[in-house]
C-alpha atoms as a PDB file:
ATOM      1  CA  MET A   1      46.645 -44.290 -26.937  1.00  0.00           C
ATOM      2  CA  ILE A   2      43.809 -41.949 -27.824  1.00  0.00           C
ATOM      3  CA  GLY A   3      41.685 -42.641 -30.898  1.00  0.00           C
ATOM      4  CA  ARG A   4      39.990 -40.411 -33.450  1.00  0.00           C
ATOM      5  CA  GLU A   5      37.073 -39.521 -31.202  1.00  0.00           C
ATOM      6  CA  GLU A   6      39.369 -38.400 -28.383  1.00  0.00           C
ATOM      7  CA  ALA A   7      41.584 -36.487 -30.822  1.00  0.00           C
ATOM      8  CA  VAL A   8      38.559 -34.623 -32.169  1.00  0.00           C
ATOM      9  CA  ARG A   9      37.523 -33.711 -28.620  1.00  0.00           C
ATOM     10  CA  THR A  10      40.988 -32.327 -28.050  1.00  0.00           C
ATOM     11  CA  ALA A  11      40.809 -30.294 -31.258  1.00  0.00           C
ATOM     12  CA  LEU A  12      37.408 -28.981 -30.172  1.00  0.00           C
ATOM     13  CA  SER A  13      39.038 -27.744 -26.960  1.00  0.00           C
ATOM     14  CA  ILE A  14      41.308 -25.632 -29.183  1.00  0.00           C
ATOM     15  CA  ALA A  15      38.348 -24.283 -31.173  1.00  0.00           C
ATOM     16  CA  ALA A  16      36.713 -23.347 -27.868  1.00  0.00           C
ATOM     17  CA  ILE A  17      39.505 -20.868 -27.056  1.00  0.00           C
ATOM     18  CA  GLN A  18      39.712 -19.353 -30.554  1.00  0.00           C
ATOM     19  CA  GLN A  19      39.069 -15.630 -30.413  1.00  0.00           C
ATOM     20  CA  ASP A  20      36.347 -13.863 -32.365  1.00  0.00           C
ATOM     21  CA  ASP A  21      38.893 -12.539 -34.887  1.00  0.00           C
ATOM     22  CA  GLY A  22      40.201 -16.059 -35.600  1.00  0.00           C
ATOM     23  CA  GLY A  23      43.361 -15.953 -33.504  1.00  0.00           C
ATOM     24  CA  VAL A  24      44.204 -18.920 -31.271  1.00  0.00           C
ATOM     25  CA  PRO A  25      45.814 -17.520 -28.118  1.00  0.00           C
ATOM     26  CA  TRP A  26      48.227 -18.587 -25.451  1.00  0.00           C
ATOM     27  CA  PRO A  27      46.639 -18.913 -21.991  1.00  0.00           C
ATOM     28  CA  GLU A  28      47.871 -15.375 -21.287  1.00  0.00           C
ATOM     29  CA  GLY A  29      45.713 -14.101 -24.149  1.00  0.00           C
ATOM     30  CA  HIS A  30      48.220 -13.107 -26.842  1.00  0.00           C
ATOM     31  CA  VAL A  31      48.603 -14.785 -30.229  1.00  0.00           C
ATOM     32  CA  ASP A  32      51.818 -15.619 -32.040  1.00  0.00           C
ATOM     33  CA  ALA A  33      51.949 -17.036 -35.539  1.00  0.00           C
ATOM     34  CA  TRP A  34      53.856 -20.252 -34.694  1.00  0.00           C
ATOM     35  CA  ASN A  35      51.559 -21.551 -31.968  1.00  0.00           C
ATOM     36  CA  HIS A  36      48.553 -20.300 -33.915  1.00  0.00           C
ATOM     37  CA  VAL A  37      49.594 -22.383 -36.951  1.00  0.00           C
ATOM     38  CA  GLU A  38      50.226 -25.463 -34.783  1.00  0.00           C
ATOM     39  CA  CYS A  39      46.673 -25.168 -33.464  1.00  0.00           C
ATOM     40  CA  LEU A  40      45.288 -24.787 -36.992  1.00  0.00           C
ATOM     41  CA  MET A  41      47.105 -27.967 -38.009  1.00  0.00           C
ATOM     42  CA  ALA A  42      45.489 -29.900 -35.167  1.00  0.00           C
ATOM     43  CA  MET A  43      42.020 -28.592 -36.019  1.00  0.00           C
ATOM     44  CA  THR A  44      42.658 -29.485 -39.673  1.00  0.00           C
ATOM     45  CA  VAL A  45      43.322 -33.110 -38.665  1.00  0.00           C
ATOM     46  CA  ALA A  46      39.977 -33.107 -36.845  1.00  0.00           C
ATOM     47  CA  GLY A  47      38.092 -31.695 -39.833  1.00  0.00           C
ATOM     48  CA  LEU A  48      37.136 -28.399 -38.143  1.00  0.00           C
ATOM     49  CA  ALA A  49      37.016 -26.502 -41.420  1.00  0.00           C
ATOM     50  CA  GLU A  50      35.422 -23.238 -40.278  1.00  0.00           C
ATOM     51  CA  PRO A  51      37.774 -22.510 -37.337  1.00  0.00           C
ATOM     52  CA  VAL A  52      40.709 -23.349 -39.599  1.00  0.00           C
ATOM     53  CA  ARG A  53      39.462 -21.024 -42.350  1.00  0.00           C
ATOM     54  CA  ARG A  54      39.122 -18.205 -39.839  1.00  0.00           C
ATOM     55  CA  GLY A  55      42.586 -18.950 -38.538  1.00  0.00           C
ATOM     56  CA  TYR A  56      44.225 -18.617 -41.943  1.00  0.00           C
ATOM     57  CA  GLU A  57      42.319 -15.396 -42.543  1.00  0.00           C
ATOM     58  CA  TRP A  58      43.789 -14.125 -39.241  1.00  0.00           C
ATOM     59  CA  LEU A  59      47.262 -14.846 -40.587  1.00  0.00           C
ATOM     60  CA  ALA A  60      46.523 -13.054 -43.849  1.00  0.00           C
ATOM     61  CA  ARG A  61      45.251  -9.952 -42.026  1.00  0.00           C
ATOM     62  CA  HIS A  62      48.173  -9.705 -39.630  1.00  0.00           C
ATOM     63  CA  GLN A  63      51.016 -10.386 -42.060  1.00  0.00           C
ATOM     64  CA  ARG A  64      53.124  -7.277 -42.587  1.00  0.00           C
ATOM     65  CA  ASP A  65      54.523  -5.891 -45.820  1.00  0.00           C
ATOM     66  CA  ASP A  66      57.920  -7.501 -45.204  1.00  0.00           C
ATOM     67  CA  GLY A  67      56.314 -10.952 -44.910  1.00  0.00           C
ATOM     68  CA  SER A  68      56.590 -11.279 -41.123  1.00  0.00           C
ATOM     69  CA  TRP A  69      54.139 -11.318 -38.234  1.00  0.00           C
ATOM     70  CA  PRO A  70      54.441  -9.452 -34.936  1.00  0.00           C
ATOM     71  CA  MET A  71      55.869 -11.579 -32.133  1.00  0.00           C
ATOM     72  CA  LYS A  72      52.751 -11.015 -30.068  1.00  0.00           C
ATOM     73  CA  VAL A  73      49.266  -9.786 -30.982  1.00  0.00           C
ATOM     74  CA  ALA A  74      46.744  -9.020 -28.241  1.00  0.00           C
ATOM     75  CA  GLY A  75      43.270  -7.691 -28.897  1.00  0.00           C
ATOM     76  CA  GLY A  76      44.112  -7.470 -32.587  1.00  0.00           C
ATOM     77  CA  VAL A  77      47.052  -5.122 -31.879  1.00  0.00           C
ATOM     78  CA  ALA A  78      50.765  -5.877 -32.114  1.00  0.00           C
ATOM     79  CA  VAL A  79      52.173  -5.580 -28.598  1.00  0.00           C
ATOM     80  CA  GLU A  80      55.643  -6.922 -29.473  1.00  0.00           C
ATOM     81  CA  ARG A  81      56.579  -5.742 -32.945  1.00  0.00           C
ATOM     82  CA  GLY A  82      59.709  -7.717 -33.753  1.00  0.00           C
ATOM     83  CA  GLY A  83      59.330 -10.461 -36.345  1.00  0.00           C
ATOM     84  CA  GLU A  84      60.631 -13.962 -35.582  1.00  0.00           C
ATOM     85  CA  SER A  85      61.997 -16.000 -38.460  1.00  0.00           C
ATOM     86  CA  ASN A  86      60.594 -19.304 -37.176  1.00  0.00           C
ATOM     87  CA  HIS A  87      57.109 -17.792 -36.818  1.00  0.00           C
ATOM     88  CA  ALA A  88      57.125 -16.803 -40.481  1.00  0.00           C
ATOM     89  CA  ALA A  89      58.523 -20.120 -41.707  1.00  0.00           C
ATOM     90  CA  TYR A  90      55.951 -22.279 -39.927  1.00  0.00           C
ATOM     91  CA  VAL A  91      53.121 -20.852 -42.017  1.00  0.00           C
ATOM     92  CA  ALA A  92      54.493 -22.862 -44.945  1.00  0.00           C
ATOM     93  CA  ALA A  93      54.386 -26.056 -42.882  1.00  0.00           C
ATOM     94  CA  GLY A  94      50.816 -25.279 -41.901  1.00  0.00           C
ATOM     95  CA  LEU A  95      49.577 -24.631 -45.432  1.00  0.00           C
ATOM     96  CA  TRP A  96      51.313 -27.705 -46.872  1.00  0.00           C
ATOM     97  CA  HIS A  97      49.825 -29.809 -44.070  1.00  0.00           C
ATOM     98  CA  HIS A  98      46.392 -28.311 -44.807  1.00  0.00           C
ATOM     99  CA  HIS A  99      46.755 -29.270 -48.462  1.00  0.00           C
ATOM    100  CA  LEU A 100      47.820 -32.828 -47.594  1.00  0.00           C
ATOM    101  CA  VAL A 101      44.829 -33.304 -45.300  1.00  0.00           C
ATOM    102  CA  THR A 102      42.105 -31.554 -47.278  1.00  0.00           C
ATOM    103  CA  GLY A 103      43.261 -31.363 -50.886  1.00  0.00           C
ATOM    104  CA  ASP A 104      41.699 -27.890 -50.897  1.00  0.00           C
ATOM    105  CA  GLN A 105      43.397 -26.329 -53.907  1.00  0.00           C
ATOM    106  CA  ASP A 106      41.499 -23.039 -53.606  1.00  0.00           C
ATOM    107  CA  THR A 107      42.820 -22.405 -50.090  1.00  0.00           C
ATOM    108  CA  THR A 108      46.347 -23.411 -51.121  1.00  0.00           C
ATOM    109  CA  GLU A 109      46.331 -20.995 -54.051  1.00  0.00           C
ATOM    110  CA  ARG A 110      44.705 -18.189 -52.080  1.00  0.00           C
ATOM    111  CA  HIS A 111      47.342 -18.249 -49.344  1.00  0.00           C
ATOM    112  CA  TRP A 112      50.340 -19.018 -51.536  1.00  0.00           C
ATOM    113  CA  PRO A 113      51.354 -15.326 -51.807  1.00  0.00           C
ATOM    114  CA  MET A 114      51.356 -15.181 -47.999  1.00  0.00           C
ATOM    115  CA  VAL A 115      53.765 -18.124 -47.839  1.00  0.00           C
ATOM    116  CA  LYS A 116      56.022 -16.658 -50.550  1.00  0.00           C
ATOM    117  CA  ALA A 117      56.363 -13.376 -48.686  1.00  0.00           C
ATOM    118  CA  ALA A 118      56.954 -15.187 -45.399  1.00  0.00           C
ATOM    119  CA  LEU A 119      59.723 -17.468 -46.654  1.00  0.00           C
ATOM    120  CA  ASP A 120      61.430 -14.648 -48.536  1.00  0.00           C
ATOM    121  CA  TYR A 121      61.499 -12.778 -45.214  1.00  0.00           C
ATOM    122  CA  VAL A 122      63.075 -15.846 -43.615  1.00  0.00           C
ATOM    123  CA  VAL A 123      65.837 -16.402 -46.164  1.00  0.00           C
ATOM    124  CA  GLY A 124      66.649 -12.710 -45.952  1.00  0.00           C
ATOM    125  CA  LEU A 125      67.870 -13.420 -42.416  1.00  0.00           C
ATOM    126  CA  GLN A 126      70.289 -16.207 -43.408  1.00  0.00           C
ATOM    127  CA  THR A 127      73.966 -15.646 -42.664  1.00  0.00           C
ATOM    128  CA  GLY A 128      76.814 -16.431 -45.020  1.00  0.00           C
ATOM    129  CA  ARG A 129      77.476 -19.693 -43.185  1.00  0.00           C
ATOM    130  CA  GLY A 130      73.848 -20.842 -43.346  1.00  0.00           C
ATOM    131  CA  GLU A 131      72.151 -20.313 -39.979  1.00  0.00           C
ATOM    132  CA  ILE A 132      69.131 -17.991 -39.883  1.00  0.00           C
ATOM    133  CA  VAL A 133      69.060 -15.366 -37.160  1.00  0.00           C
ATOM    134  CA  TRP A 134      66.061 -15.460 -34.912  1.00  0.00           C
ATOM    135  CA  GLU A 135      64.409 -12.087 -35.537  1.00  0.00           C
ATOM    136  CA  ARG A 136      64.321  -8.679 -37.111  1.00  0.00           C
ATOM    137  CA  ASP A 137      63.438  -6.150 -34.436  1.00  0.00           C
ATOM    138  CA  ALA A 138      60.803  -3.411 -34.564  1.00  0.00           C
ATOM    139  CA  ARG A 139      63.333  -1.086 -36.234  1.00  0.00           C
ATOM    140  CA  GLY A 140      64.188  -3.635 -38.880  1.00  0.00           C
ATOM    141  CA  ARG A 141      67.560  -4.651 -37.450  1.00  0.00           C
ATOM    142  CA  ALA A 142      68.555  -8.303 -37.750  1.00  0.00           C
ATOM    143  CA  ALA A 143      69.505 -10.150 -34.568  1.00  0.00           C
ATOM    144  CA  ALA A 144      73.131 -11.008 -33.891  1.00  0.00           C
ATOM    145  CA  TYR A 145      72.562 -14.719 -33.267  1.00  0.00           C
ATOM    146  CA  ALA A 146      70.537 -17.771 -34.291  1.00  0.00           C
ATOM    147  CA  LEU A 147      68.557 -20.289 -32.244  1.00  0.00           C
ATOM    148  CA  LEU A 148      68.926 -24.014 -32.845  1.00  0.00           C
ATOM    149  CA  THR A 149      65.285 -24.886 -32.104  1.00  0.00           C
ATOM    150  CA  GLY A 150      64.004 -22.043 -34.255  1.00  0.00           C
ATOM    151  CA  CYS A 151      66.278 -22.922 -37.162  1.00  0.00           C
ATOM    152  CA  SER A 152      65.253 -26.576 -36.968  1.00  0.00           C
ATOM    153  CA  SER A 153      61.616 -25.542 -37.347  1.00  0.00           C
ATOM    154  CA  ILE A 154      62.585 -23.154 -40.144  1.00  0.00           C
ATOM    155  CA  HIS A 155      64.197 -26.063 -41.964  1.00  0.00           C
ATOM    156  CA  GLN A 156      60.861 -27.877 -42.000  1.00  0.00           C
ATOM    157  CA  GLY A 157      59.071 -24.734 -43.134  1.00  0.00           C
ATOM    158  CA  LEU A 158      61.457 -24.219 -46.039  1.00  0.00           C
ATOM    159  CA  ARG A 159      61.098 -27.848 -47.168  1.00  0.00           C
ATOM    160  CA  CYS A 160      57.305 -27.544 -47.013  1.00  0.00           C
ATOM    161  CA  GLY A 161      57.517 -24.310 -48.977  1.00  0.00           C
ATOM    162  CA  VAL A 162      59.535 -26.038 -51.694  1.00  0.00           C
ATOM    163  CA  LEU A 163      56.877 -28.759 -51.951  1.00  0.00           C
ATOM    164  CA  LEU A 164      54.122 -26.149 -52.169  1.00  0.00           C
ATOM    165  CA  ALA A 165      56.049 -24.323 -54.884  1.00  0.00           C
ATOM    166  CA  GLU A 166      56.486 -27.519 -56.892  1.00  0.00           C
ATOM    167  CA  HIS A 167      52.814 -28.388 -56.493  1.00  0.00           C
ATOM    168  CA  LEU A 168      51.732 -24.969 -57.713  1.00  0.00           C
ATOM    169  CA  GLY A 169      54.229 -24.800 -60.588  1.00  0.00           C
ATOM    170  CA  ASP A 170      55.974 -21.772 -59.110  1.00  0.00           C
ATOM    171  CA  PRO A 171      59.452 -23.072 -58.178  1.00  0.00           C
ATOM    172  CA  GLN A 172      61.512 -21.207 -55.595  1.00  0.00           C
ATOM    173  CA  PRO A 173      65.029 -22.700 -55.891  1.00  0.00           C
ATOM    174  CA  HIS A 174      66.510 -20.156 -53.462  1.00  0.00           C
ATOM    175  CA  TRP A 175      64.411 -21.697 -50.677  1.00  0.00           C
ATOM    176  CA  GLU A 176      65.800 -25.143 -51.427  1.00  0.00           C
ATOM    177  CA  LEU A 177      69.356 -23.809 -51.406  1.00  0.00           C
ATOM    178  CA  ALA A 178      68.668 -22.030 -48.117  1.00  0.00           C
ATOM    179  CA  ALA A 179      67.261 -25.239 -46.619  1.00  0.00           C
ATOM    180  CA  ASP A 180      70.294 -27.277 -47.721  1.00  0.00           C
ATOM    181  CA  ARG A 181      72.713 -24.765 -46.215  1.00  0.00           C
ATOM    182  CA  LEU A 182      70.685 -24.568 -43.005  1.00  0.00           C
ATOM    183  CA  ALA A 183      70.505 -28.369 -42.704  1.00  0.00           C
ATOM    184  CA  HIS A 184      74.280 -28.594 -42.917  1.00  0.00           C
ATOM    185  CA  VAL A 185      74.807 -26.062 -40.145  1.00  0.00           C
ATOM    186  CA  LEU A 186      72.229 -27.770 -37.943  1.00  0.00           C
ATOM    187  CA  ALA A 187      73.826 -31.180 -38.448  1.00  0.00           C
ATOM    188  CA  ALA A 188      77.516 -30.247 -38.407  1.00  0.00           C
ATOM    189  CA  HIS A 189      77.858 -26.945 -36.566  1.00  0.00           C
ATOM    190  CA  PRO A 190      75.765 -26.836 -33.371  1.00  0.00           C
ATOM    191  CA  GLU A 191      78.270 -24.293 -32.062  1.00  0.00           C
ATOM    192  CA  ALA A 192      76.781 -21.791 -34.535  1.00  0.00           C
ATOM    193  CA  PHE A 193      73.757 -21.318 -32.268  1.00  0.00           C
ATOM    194  CA  ALA A 194      73.172 -19.588 -28.948  1.00  0.00           C
ATOM    195  CA  ASP A 195      73.551 -22.020 -26.051  1.00  0.00           C
ATOM    196  CA  LYS A 196      70.060 -23.043 -24.940  1.00  0.00           C
ATOM    197  CA  SER A 197      71.060 -26.612 -24.131  1.00  0.00           C
ATOM    198  CA  ARG A 198      69.150 -26.707 -20.844  1.00  0.00           C
ATOM    199  CA  TYR A 199      65.951 -26.735 -22.922  1.00  0.00           C
ATOM    200  CA  SER A 200      64.844 -30.118 -24.235  1.00  0.00           C
ATOM    201  CA  MET A 201      63.724 -28.547 -27.522  1.00  0.00           C
ATOM    202  CA  ASP A 202      67.347 -27.843 -28.459  1.00  0.00           C
ATOM    203  CA  TRP A 203      67.987 -31.567 -27.995  1.00  0.00           C
ATOM    204  CA  TYR A 204      65.340 -33.143 -30.246  1.00  0.00           C
ATOM    205  CA  TYR A 205      64.333 -30.363 -32.662  1.00  0.00           C
ATOM    206  CA  PRO A 206      67.065 -31.027 -35.258  1.00  0.00           C
ATOM    207  CA  VAL A 207      65.436 -34.458 -35.665  1.00  0.00           C
ATOM    208  CA  LEU A 208      61.871 -33.154 -35.561  1.00  0.00           C
ATOM    209  CA  GLY A 209      62.605 -30.491 -38.181  1.00  0.00           C
ATOM    210  CA  GLY A 210      64.229 -33.008 -40.531  1.00  0.00           C
ATOM    211  CA  ALA A 211      67.803 -31.700 -40.595  1.00  0.00           C
ATOM    212  CA  VAL A 212      69.234 -34.716 -38.734  1.00  0.00           C
ATOM    213  CA  ARG A 213      68.066 -38.249 -39.472  1.00  0.00           C
ATOM    214  CA  GLY A 214      69.457 -41.765 -39.574  1.00  0.00           C
ATOM    215  CA  THR A 215      72.277 -42.948 -37.327  1.00  0.00           C
ATOM    216  CA  GLN A 216      73.261 -39.402 -36.398  1.00  0.00           C
ATOM    217  CA  ALA A 217      69.741 -38.750 -35.129  1.00  0.00           C
ATOM    218  CA  PHE A 218      69.649 -41.851 -32.952  1.00  0.00           C
ATOM    219  CA  GLU A 219      73.037 -40.925 -31.487  1.00  0.00           C
ATOM    220  CA  LEU A 220      71.864 -37.389 -30.809  1.00  0.00           C
ATOM    221  CA  LEU A 221      68.745 -38.563 -28.960  1.00  0.00           C
ATOM    222  CA  GLU A 222      70.646 -41.166 -26.976  1.00  0.00           C
ATOM    223  CA  ARG A 223      73.134 -38.608 -25.619  1.00  0.00           C
ATOM    224  CA  GLU A 224      70.538 -36.716 -23.564  1.00  0.00           C
ATOM    225  CA  TRP A 225      67.777 -39.303 -23.193  1.00  0.00           C
ATOM    226  CA  ALA A 226      68.447 -39.830 -19.486  1.00  0.00           C
ATOM    227  CA  THR A 227      68.726 -36.068 -18.924  1.00  0.00           C
ATOM    228  CA  PHE A 228      65.285 -35.205 -20.209  1.00  0.00           C
ATOM    229  CA  VAL A 229      63.055 -38.297 -20.214  1.00  0.00           C
ATOM    230  CA  VAL A 230      61.186 -39.056 -16.973  1.00  0.00           C
ATOM    231  CA  PRO A 231      59.785 -42.595 -17.306  1.00  0.00           C
ATOM    232  CA  GLY A 232      56.026 -42.732 -16.885  1.00  0.00           C
ATOM    233  CA  LEU A 233      55.551 -38.950 -17.032  1.00  0.00           C
ATOM    234  CA  GLY A 234      57.030 -37.535 -20.246  1.00  0.00           C
ATOM    235  CA  ILE A 235      60.017 -35.259 -20.811  1.00  0.00           C
ATOM    236  CA  ARG A 236      61.344 -32.252 -18.969  1.00  0.00           C
ATOM    237  CA  CYS A 237      61.011 -28.805 -20.475  1.00  0.00           C
ATOM    238  CA  VAL A 238      64.380 -27.832 -18.960  1.00  0.00           C
ATOM    239  CA  SER A 239      67.071 -30.130 -17.660  1.00  0.00           C
ATOM    240  CA  ASP A 240      67.397 -28.552 -14.207  1.00  0.00           C
ATOM    241  CA  GLN A 241      63.736 -28.483 -13.138  1.00  0.00           C
ATOM    242  CA  PRO A 242      61.382 -31.326 -12.019  1.00  0.00           C
ATOM    243  CA  TRP A 243      58.811 -30.340 -14.619  1.00  0.00           C
ATOM    244  CA  VAL A 244      57.482 -32.378 -17.544  1.00  0.00           C
ATOM    245  CA  THR A 245      55.473 -30.763 -20.316  1.00  0.00           C
ATOM    246  CA  GLY A 246      52.968 -32.244 -22.721  1.00  0.00           C
ATOM    247  CA  ALA A 247      53.940 -30.268 -25.815  1.00  0.00           C
ATOM    248  CA  GLU A 248      57.620 -31.169 -25.614  1.00  0.00           C
ATOM    249  CA  THR A 249      56.780 -34.807 -24.899  1.00  0.00           C
ATOM    250  CA  CYS A 250      54.530 -35.048 -27.949  1.00  0.00           C
ATOM    251  CA  GLU A 251      57.080 -33.300 -30.151  1.00  0.00           C
ATOM    252  CA  LEU A 252      59.631 -35.926 -29.110  1.00  0.00           C
ATOM    253  CA  VAL A 253      56.989 -38.524 -30.022  1.00  0.00           C
ATOM    254  CA  LEU A 254      56.864 -36.971 -33.497  1.00  0.00           C
ATOM    255  CA  ALA A 255      60.662 -37.015 -33.744  1.00  0.00           C
ATOM    256  CA  LEU A 256      60.830 -40.682 -32.756  1.00  0.00           C
ATOM    257  CA  ASP A 257      58.056 -41.540 -35.205  1.00  0.00           C
ATOM    258  CA  ALA A 258      60.008 -39.759 -37.946  1.00  0.00           C
ATOM    259  CA  LEU A 259      62.915 -42.114 -37.235  1.00  0.00           C
ATOM    260  CA  GLY A 260      60.683 -45.193 -37.297  1.00  0.00           C
ATOM    261  CA  ASP A 261      61.124 -45.719 -33.544  1.00  0.00           C
ATOM    262  CA  ARG A 262      57.414 -46.247 -33.031  1.00  0.00           C
ATOM    263  CA  GLU A 263      57.710 -48.358 -29.893  1.00  0.00           C
ATOM    264  CA  ARG A 264      59.334 -45.602 -27.854  1.00  0.00           C
ATOM    265  CA  ALA A 265      57.108 -43.023 -29.522  1.00  0.00           C
ATOM    266  CA  ALA A 266      53.947 -44.863 -28.472  1.00  0.00           C
ATOM    267  CA  ARG A 267      55.247 -45.383 -24.945  1.00  0.00           C
ATOM    268  CA  LEU A 268      56.044 -41.690 -24.485  1.00  0.00           C
ATOM    269  CA  PHE A 269      52.684 -40.704 -25.920  1.00  0.00           C
ATOM    270  CA  ALA A 270      50.941 -42.955 -23.417  1.00  0.00           C
ATOM    271  CA  ASP A 271      53.042 -41.446 -20.612  1.00  0.00           C
ATOM    272  CA  ALA A 272      51.760 -37.953 -21.483  1.00  0.00           C
ATOM    273  CA  GLN A 273      48.100 -38.886 -21.055  1.00  0.00           C
ATOM    274  CA  HIS A 274      48.139 -38.077 -17.327  1.00  0.00           C
ATOM    275  CA  LEU A 275      47.892 -34.449 -18.507  1.00  0.00           C
ATOM    276  CA  ARG A 276      44.530 -34.999 -20.236  1.00  0.00           C
ATOM    277  CA  HIS A 277      41.550 -33.159 -18.771  1.00  0.00           C
ATOM    278  CA  GLU A 278      38.065 -34.664 -18.872  1.00  0.00           C
ATOM    279  CA  ASP A 279      36.986 -32.158 -21.534  1.00  0.00           C
ATOM    280  CA  GLY A 280      39.746 -33.297 -23.923  1.00  0.00           C
ATOM    281  CA  SER A 281      42.088 -30.360 -23.292  1.00  0.00           C
ATOM    282  CA  TYR A 282      45.563 -30.820 -21.806  1.00  0.00           C
ATOM    283  CA  TRP A 283      47.408 -29.332 -18.884  1.00  0.00           C
ATOM    284  CA  THR A 284      50.620 -27.652 -20.000  1.00  0.00           C
ATOM    285  CA  GLY A 285      52.812 -29.502 -17.507  1.00  0.00           C
ATOM    286  CA  TRP A 286      53.305 -31.379 -14.257  1.00  0.00           C
ATOM    287  CA  GLN A 287      55.734 -30.410 -11.483  1.00  0.00           C
ATOM    288  CA  PHE A 288      56.526 -33.866 -10.176  1.00  0.00           C
ATOM    289  CA  ALA A 289      58.478 -32.805  -7.090  1.00  0.00           C
ATOM    290  CA  ASN A 290      55.472 -30.843  -5.763  1.00  0.00           C
ATOM    291  CA  GLY A 291      52.847 -33.107  -7.350  1.00  0.00           C
ATOM    292  CA  ARG A 292      50.841 -30.370  -9.072  1.00  0.00           C
ATOM    293  CA  HIS A 293      50.144 -28.952 -12.486  1.00  0.00           C
ATOM    294  CA  PHE A 294      52.534 -26.190 -13.484  1.00  0.00           C
ATOM    295  CA  PRO A 295      51.739 -23.712 -14.771  1.00  0.00           C
ATOM    296  CA  HIS A 296      48.124 -24.063 -13.659  1.00  0.00           C
ATOM    297  CA  GLU A 297      46.718 -23.817 -17.162  1.00  0.00           C
ATOM    298  CA  ARG A 298      45.524 -25.858 -20.106  1.00  0.00           C
ATOM    299  CA  SER A 299      47.053 -24.600 -23.337  1.00  0.00           C
ATOM    300  CA  GLY A 300      45.944 -24.821 -26.943  1.00  0.00           C
ATOM    301  CA  TYR A 301      49.469 -25.482 -28.163  1.00  0.00           C
ATOM    302  CA  THR A 302      49.752 -28.523 -25.859  1.00  0.00           C
ATOM    303  CA  ALA A 303      46.465 -29.901 -27.176  1.00  0.00           C
ATOM    304  CA  ALA A 304      47.695 -29.288 -30.723  1.00  0.00           C
ATOM    305  CA  ALA A 305      50.903 -31.254 -30.171  1.00  0.00           C
ATOM    306  CA  VAL A 306      48.856 -34.146 -28.775  1.00  0.00           C
ATOM    307  CA  VAL A 307      46.609 -34.272 -31.844  1.00  0.00           C
ATOM    308  CA  LEU A 308      49.554 -34.138 -34.251  1.00  0.00           C
ATOM    309  CA  ALA A 309      51.320 -36.930 -32.358  1.00  0.00           C
ATOM    310  CA  ALA A 310      48.148 -39.044 -32.357  1.00  0.00           C
ATOM    311  CA  ASP A 311      47.839 -38.486 -36.100  1.00  0.00           C
ATOM    312  CA  ALA A 312      51.446 -39.520 -36.732  1.00  0.00           C
ATOM    313  CA  LEU A 313      51.069 -42.710 -34.711  1.00  0.00           C
ATOM    314  CA  GLN A 314      47.660 -43.726 -36.039  1.00  0.00           C
ATOM    315  CA  GLY A 315      47.355 -42.179 -39.501  1.00  0.00           C
ATOM    316  CA  LEU A 316      44.214 -40.226 -38.712  1.00  0.00           C
ATOM    317  CA  SER A 317      44.639 -37.887 -41.692  1.00  0.00           C
ATOM    318  CA  GLY A 318      46.456 -37.440 -44.978  1.00  0.00           C
ATOM    319  CA  GLY A 319      48.914 -35.173 -43.198  1.00  0.00           C
ATOM    320  CA  SER A 320      50.104 -37.758 -40.692  1.00  0.00           C
ATOM    321  CA  ALA A 321      53.569 -37.981 -42.280  1.00  0.00           C
ATOM    322  CA  VAL A 322      54.252 -34.238 -42.521  1.00  0.00           C
ATOM    323  CA  PHE A 323      57.070 -34.488 -39.945  1.00  0.00           C
ATOM    324  CA  ARG A 324      58.235 -37.926 -41.094  1.00  0.00           C
ATOM    325  CA  ASP A 325      58.653 -37.020 -44.764  1.00  0.00           C
ATOM    326  CA  ILE A 326      60.357 -33.637 -44.407  1.00  0.00           C
ATOM    327  CA  CYS A 327      64.088 -34.242 -44.200  1.00  0.00           C
ATOM    328  CA  ALA A 328      67.373 -33.081 -45.656  1.00  0.00           C
ATOM    329  CA  PRO A 329      68.268 -34.959 -48.862  1.00  0.00           C
ATOM    330  CA  SER A 330      71.905 -35.593 -47.943  1.00  0.00           C
ATOM    331  CA  VAL A 331      73.989 -36.449 -44.913  1.00  0.00           C
ATOM    332  CA  SER A 332      76.384 -33.821 -43.590  1.00  0.00           C
ATOM    333  CA  PRO A 333      80.028 -34.792 -42.999  1.00  0.00           C
ATOM    334  CA  SER A 334      80.579 -36.597 -39.709  1.00  0.00           C
ATOM    335  CA  ASP A 335      83.747 -34.530 -39.253  1.00  0.00           C
ATOM    336  CA  PRO A 336      82.776 -30.831 -39.394  1.00  0.00           C
ATOM    337  CA  GLY A 337      86.403 -29.984 -40.063  1.00  0.00           C
ATOM    338  CA  LEU A 338      86.139 -31.550 -43.514  1.00  0.00           C
ATOM    339  CA  CYS A 339      83.312 -29.385 -44.817  1.00  0.00           C
ATOM    340  CA  GLY A 340      85.273 -26.182 -45.389  1.00  0.00           C
ATOM    341  CA  CYS A 341      82.866 -23.954 -43.463  1.00  0.00           C
ATOM    342  CA  THR A 342      84.068 -20.951 -41.529  1.00  0.00           C
ATOM    343  CA  PRO A 343      84.083 -22.035 -37.880  1.00  0.00           C
ATOM    344  CA  ALA A 344      81.148 -20.569 -35.986  1.00  0.00           C
ATOM    345  CA  ARG A 345      83.201 -19.859 -32.881  1.00  0.00           C
ATOM    346  CA  ALA A 346      86.703 -20.599 -31.646  1.00  0.00           C
END
């Protein structure tokens, strides 16, 4: 287990890679809004107010008129112009988390219009059944399919947006309705989403994003536990490769913590510490068949997931329960055939 001092060092490793314009990049150099927000959340936990302020200003500058962000920004320029729904939704999670940690009402109010535009963009991509397609392309055309991991994260973003709206006295009931419909599809209709089941994120994200909790969540995690969890090392990124990754491992830690399974959460978190570098940053992953780091990089988003997991387990900040407390208010039918939905696929 790492303590506050180690968590701050890890957050400082994120601040060290922040670009002059405030963006927090991938190792390849581009910035996307989702990973950028995750890194801002980690730096918020550590009290790094100035890098976080610059990061939210980056989001405000790069948001487009429709409420979205480009998929990739490099050198301040959009290099992939489509707009992902989960990127836009996560800004709400970030701002609510910032408010929980800092109580900074001025920042919350200043960026509230950004969140409103972002979540309205998101709900504009919801289908009649309830899933939210993954992008609108550079020409404005909506994608033909939805992603389970992305929609699970969107569910959290919508719930955080509803809480922000209530706090600011500006209710947005259409977001709550969208979140309820999305939660049902995530819990009862996994066939509604493109098959990405080889990725561990599609396994645990419905729990992490709050759409699936309780007995159903424990059953879901148990089904693929042996497929993805490598004892002593963490969890695989994909089921068919001997490769564990720190970000996915720490996200599963957050999912387990949200269920109250703190013993397994703490054990997995300890397993991931072999990826820690002496400067507090984290290697992205470990290829355990070859015995080497893969890819050979230390990533800001991995460090961010570590800090958020440490916060959840140890209560380092007022935002430590942001994943634990965001969940669907009702349980979906155990028999999807009873809900009356149009089947997603034959």
